[in-house]
Amino acid sequence: MSRTPFRLAGGVLAVLCAVLVARPAAAEPRPSNPQGATVSLAATTVAAGQAIRFTGTGFVNEGGRGQIVTIKLDDVDILGDVTASDSGAISGAVTIPAGTPAGSHWLRFLAGSGAENDGPARSLATDQFTVTAGGGTTASPTPQVPGGELPKTGVDSAGWLAGALILPAAGLVLLVVERRRRQRAATADPR
C-alpha cells in the first residue's frame, strides 16, 4: 500500500500549522484621507519602549474647534489620543510599546466621526519609521500623550480563517484517498 497520499496530507497539515503559528509582517498602511491635515515625526528611528514626537496641522472640525485625534501604531494598536487646538494644531509624543518587533512601522492619526459638528473624518498615515530593539533613545524623550496607552482591540482572525478553509480541504483529501484505497483493495481481493 502506498503512503504517498498520507505524506501529502501530512505536508498540508504541516503548512497549515506554520500558517496558524506565524505572525504576519506589518503590511503597508492603508491609503490616507487627510482632508487637509498634515503630520510629521521628529525622528526616523525609535527604540521599542521609547517615545516618538509628532506634530500636525489641520485637525479642526466644521464648527471651528480642534478635534480629538486618536493615534494608532500600524493601523492596529491604539497608542493614545490628543486634542487639537482651535487652529487644528497637534503636537506631543507617543510611546512605542516595548514588545513592538524591530522593523518598519507607521502611525495613523484618526479624527472626526463624521457626525454633525465633528467632521470631516480624517485618516492620515505617517511616513514609515524604524523601530529598533528596546533600550535605545529617541531624538528627545518626552512624556506620553495624555490618556496613556489604551488596550489593543479586535481579533487577528487570519489564522483562524486559514484553518477554517484548509482543514476541511485536508479532510476531503484524506476521505478521497481512503475511498480509493478501499476500492483498490476490494477489486484486488474479490470474495
Protein backbone atom coordinates (compact mmCIF):
# COMPACT_ATOMS: atom_id res chain seq x y z
CA MET A 1 0.00 0.00 0.00
CA SER A 2 1.32 3.45 -0.97
CA ARG A 3 1.86 6.02 1.77
CA THR A 4 2.20 8.96 -0.67
CA PRO A 5 -1.35 10.30 -0.04
CA PHE A 6 -0.72 10.26 3.70
CA ARG A 7 2.58 12.10 3.21
CA LEU A 8 0.72 14.66 1.09
CA ALA A 9 -1.93 15.11 3.79
CA GLY A 10 0.82 15.41 6.43
CA GLY A 11 2.52 18.09 4.34
CA VAL A 12 -0.76 20.01 4.02
CA LEU A 13 -1.25 19.83 7.79
CA ALA A 14 2.35 21.00 8.40
CA VAL A 15 1.81 24.02 6.14
CA LEU A 16 -1.47 24.76 7.94
CA CYS A 17 0.29 24.70 11.32
CA ALA A 18 3.00 27.05 10.03
CA VAL A 19 0.35 29.48 8.75
CA LEU A 20 -1.53 29.44 12.06
CA VAL A 21 1.60 29.96 14.18
CA ALA A 22 3.40 32.57 12.04
CA ARG A 23 2.67 36.25 12.77
CA PRO A 24 2.21 38.25 9.58
CA ALA A 25 4.71 41.01 8.86
CA ALA A 26 3.48 44.58 9.13
CA ALA A 27 1.59 45.43 5.96
CA GLU A 28 1.77 48.73 4.13
CA PRO A 29 -0.51 51.38 5.61
CA ARG A 30 -3.96 51.80 4.15
CA PRO A 31 -4.45 54.89 1.99
CA SER A 32 -4.88 58.19 3.82
CA ASN A 33 -7.85 60.56 3.75
CA PRO A 34 -6.26 63.65 5.31
CA GLN A 35 -8.94 66.25 4.43
CA GLY A 36 -6.25 68.97 4.61
CA ALA A 37 -4.46 67.65 7.73
CA THR A 38 -0.71 67.02 7.89
CA VAL A 39 1.51 65.14 10.35
CA SER A 40 5.24 64.63 10.69
CA LEU A 41 7.55 62.74 13.02
CA ALA A 42 10.63 64.21 14.73
CA ALA A 43 12.69 61.04 14.19
CA THR A 44 13.01 58.24 11.65
CA THR A 45 14.22 55.70 14.22
CA VAL A 46 12.96 54.86 17.71
CA ALA A 47 13.71 52.05 20.17
CA ALA A 48 10.82 49.86 21.29
CA GLY A 49 9.58 51.17 24.63
CA GLN A 50 10.65 54.76 23.86
CA ALA A 51 8.64 57.81 22.77
CA ILE A 52 8.49 59.37 19.31
CA ARG A 53 7.50 63.02 18.88
CA PHE A 54 4.95 64.24 16.32
CA THR A 55 3.45 67.49 15.09
CA GLY A 56 0.45 68.12 12.88
CA THR A 57 -1.92 70.72 11.49
CA GLY A 58 -5.44 70.89 10.06
CA PHE A 59 -7.33 68.89 12.71
CA VAL A 60 -10.24 71.32 13.09
CA ASN A 61 -13.93 70.43 12.74
CA GLU A 62 -16.61 72.24 10.74
CA GLY A 63 -17.54 74.27 13.84
CA GLY A 64 -14.02 75.70 14.06
CA ARG A 65 -12.97 73.65 17.12
CA GLY A 66 -9.98 71.33 17.48
CA GLN A 67 -10.73 67.64 17.01
CA ILE A 68 -9.77 64.74 19.25
CA VAL A 69 -7.12 62.78 17.35
CA THR A 70 -6.56 59.07 18.04
CA ILE A 71 -3.09 57.70 17.31
CA LYS A 72 -2.58 54.07 16.25
CA LEU A 73 0.54 52.01 15.51
CA ASP A 74 0.39 50.11 12.20
CA ASP A 75 -3.40 50.56 12.00
CA VAL A 76 -3.72 48.11 14.94
CA ASP A 77 -2.59 49.23 18.41
CA ILE A 78 -4.14 52.40 19.87
CA LEU A 79 -1.34 54.39 21.50
CA GLY A 80 -3.39 57.33 22.81
CA ASP A 81 -5.16 60.48 21.76
CA VAL A 82 -4.53 64.22 21.74
CA THR A 83 -6.89 67.21 21.40
CA ALA A 84 -6.04 69.67 18.65
CA SER A 85 -6.02 73.39 19.36
CA ASP A 86 -8.78 75.54 17.84
CA SER A 87 -6.38 76.23 14.98
CA GLY A 88 -6.14 72.45 14.38
CA ALA A 89 -2.54 72.05 15.57
CA ILE A 90 -1.35 68.96 17.44
CA SER A 91 1.99 68.07 18.99
CA GLY A 92 3.24 65.58 21.52
CA ALA A 93 4.76 62.14 21.75
CA VAL A 94 3.58 58.55 21.97
CA THR A 95 5.45 55.61 23.42
CA ILE A 96 6.07 52.72 21.05
CA PRO A 97 5.17 49.55 23.03
CA ALA A 98 8.17 47.61 24.35
CA GLY A 99 7.01 44.45 22.56
CA THR A 100 6.92 46.07 19.11
CA PRO A 101 9.01 43.98 16.68
CA ALA A 102 12.05 45.65 15.11
CA GLY A 103 11.49 46.91 11.57
CA SER A 104 9.38 49.40 9.63
CA HIS A 105 6.22 50.80 11.22
CA TRP A 106 3.96 53.85 10.89
CA LEU A 107 1.49 55.86 12.93
CA ARG A 108 -2.13 56.52 11.92
CA PHE A 109 -3.85 59.74 13.07
CA LEU A 110 -7.66 59.49 13.12
CA ALA A 111 -10.05 62.38 13.80
CA GLY A 112 -13.70 63.23 13.32
CA SER A 113 -16.54 60.75 13.45
CA GLY A 114 -18.33 62.39 10.53
CA ALA A 115 -21.25 63.25 12.83
CA GLU A 116 -22.67 66.76 12.92
CA ASN A 117 -20.07 69.27 14.19
CA ASP A 118 -17.44 66.51 14.37
CA GLY A 119 -16.43 66.32 10.73
CA PRO A 120 -14.78 65.92 8.47
CA ALA A 121 -13.46 62.44 9.24
CA ARG A 122 -9.69 62.26 8.75
CA SER A 123 -7.31 59.31 8.49
CA LEU A 124 -3.66 60.09 7.93
CA ALA A 125 -0.65 57.71 7.99
CA THR A 126 2.86 58.98 8.64
CA ASP A 127 5.91 58.00 6.66
CA GLN A 128 7.37 54.74 7.86
CA PHE A 129 9.93 54.83 10.66
CA THR A 130 12.25 52.15 12.01
CA VAL A 131 11.77 50.52 15.40
CA THR A 132 14.93 49.05 16.92
CA ALA A 133 15.28 46.64 19.82
CA GLY A 134 14.41 48.18 23.20
CA GLY A 135 16.88 50.20 25.23
CA GLY A 136 17.74 52.91 22.70
CA THR A 137 16.83 56.58 22.85
CA THR A 138 14.70 58.90 20.76
CA ALA A 139 15.56 62.35 19.43
CA SER A 140 14.17 63.94 22.62
CA PRO A 141 12.37 62.00 25.35
CA THR A 142 9.01 63.48 26.33
CA PRO A 143 6.03 62.40 28.38
CA GLN A 144 3.32 60.25 26.89
CA VAL A 145 0.18 61.67 25.27
CA PRO A 146 -2.48 62.34 27.96
CA GLY A 147 -4.64 59.29 28.46
CA GLY A 148 -1.75 56.81 28.35
CA GLU A 149 -1.75 53.54 26.48
CA LEU A 150 -5.06 52.03 25.54
CA PRO A 151 -5.57 48.29 25.13
CA LYS A 152 -5.48 46.66 21.72
CA THR A 153 -8.97 45.93 20.48
CA GLY A 154 -10.24 43.44 17.94
CA VAL A 155 -9.09 39.98 16.93
CA ASP A 156 -6.50 38.90 14.39
CA SER A 157 -8.58 36.24 12.68
CA ALA A 158 -6.35 35.49 9.67
CA GLY A 159 -5.04 32.25 11.18
CA TRP A 160 -8.49 31.04 12.16
CA LEU A 161 -9.83 31.85 8.70
CA ALA A 162 -6.98 29.93 7.06
CA GLY A 163 -7.67 26.97 9.33
CA ALA A 164 -11.38 27.10 8.58
CA LEU A 165 -10.59 26.85 4.86
CA ILE A 166 -7.64 24.43 4.86
CA LEU A 167 -8.75 21.85 7.44
CA PRO A 168 -11.94 20.82 5.57
CA ALA A 169 -9.93 20.61 2.33
CA ALA A 170 -7.34 18.37 4.03
CA GLY A 171 -10.14 16.19 5.41
CA LEU A 172 -11.66 15.89 1.94
CA VAL A 173 -8.29 14.83 0.50
CA LEU A 174 -7.95 12.15 3.19
CA LEU A 175 -11.50 10.93 2.55
CA VAL A 176 -10.91 10.59 -1.20
CA VAL A 177 -7.60 8.81 -0.62
CA GLU A 178 -9.19 6.34 1.82
CA ARG A 179 -12.09 5.60 -0.57
CA ARG A 180 -9.69 4.91 -3.43
CA ARG A 181 -7.61 2.65 -1.20
CA ARG A 182 -10.72 0.66 -0.22
CA GLN A 183 -11.84 0.42 -3.85
CA ARG A 184 -8.43 -0.93 -4.90
CA ALA A 185 -8.48 -3.41 -2.04
CA ALA A 186 -12.00 -4.55 -2.97
CA THR A 187 -11.13 -5.07 -6.65
CA ALA A 188 -7.85 -6.84 -5.83
CA ASP A 189 -9.50 -9.28 -3.37
CA PRO A 190 -12.96 -10.24 -4.75
CA ARG A 191 -14.84 -12.68 -2.44
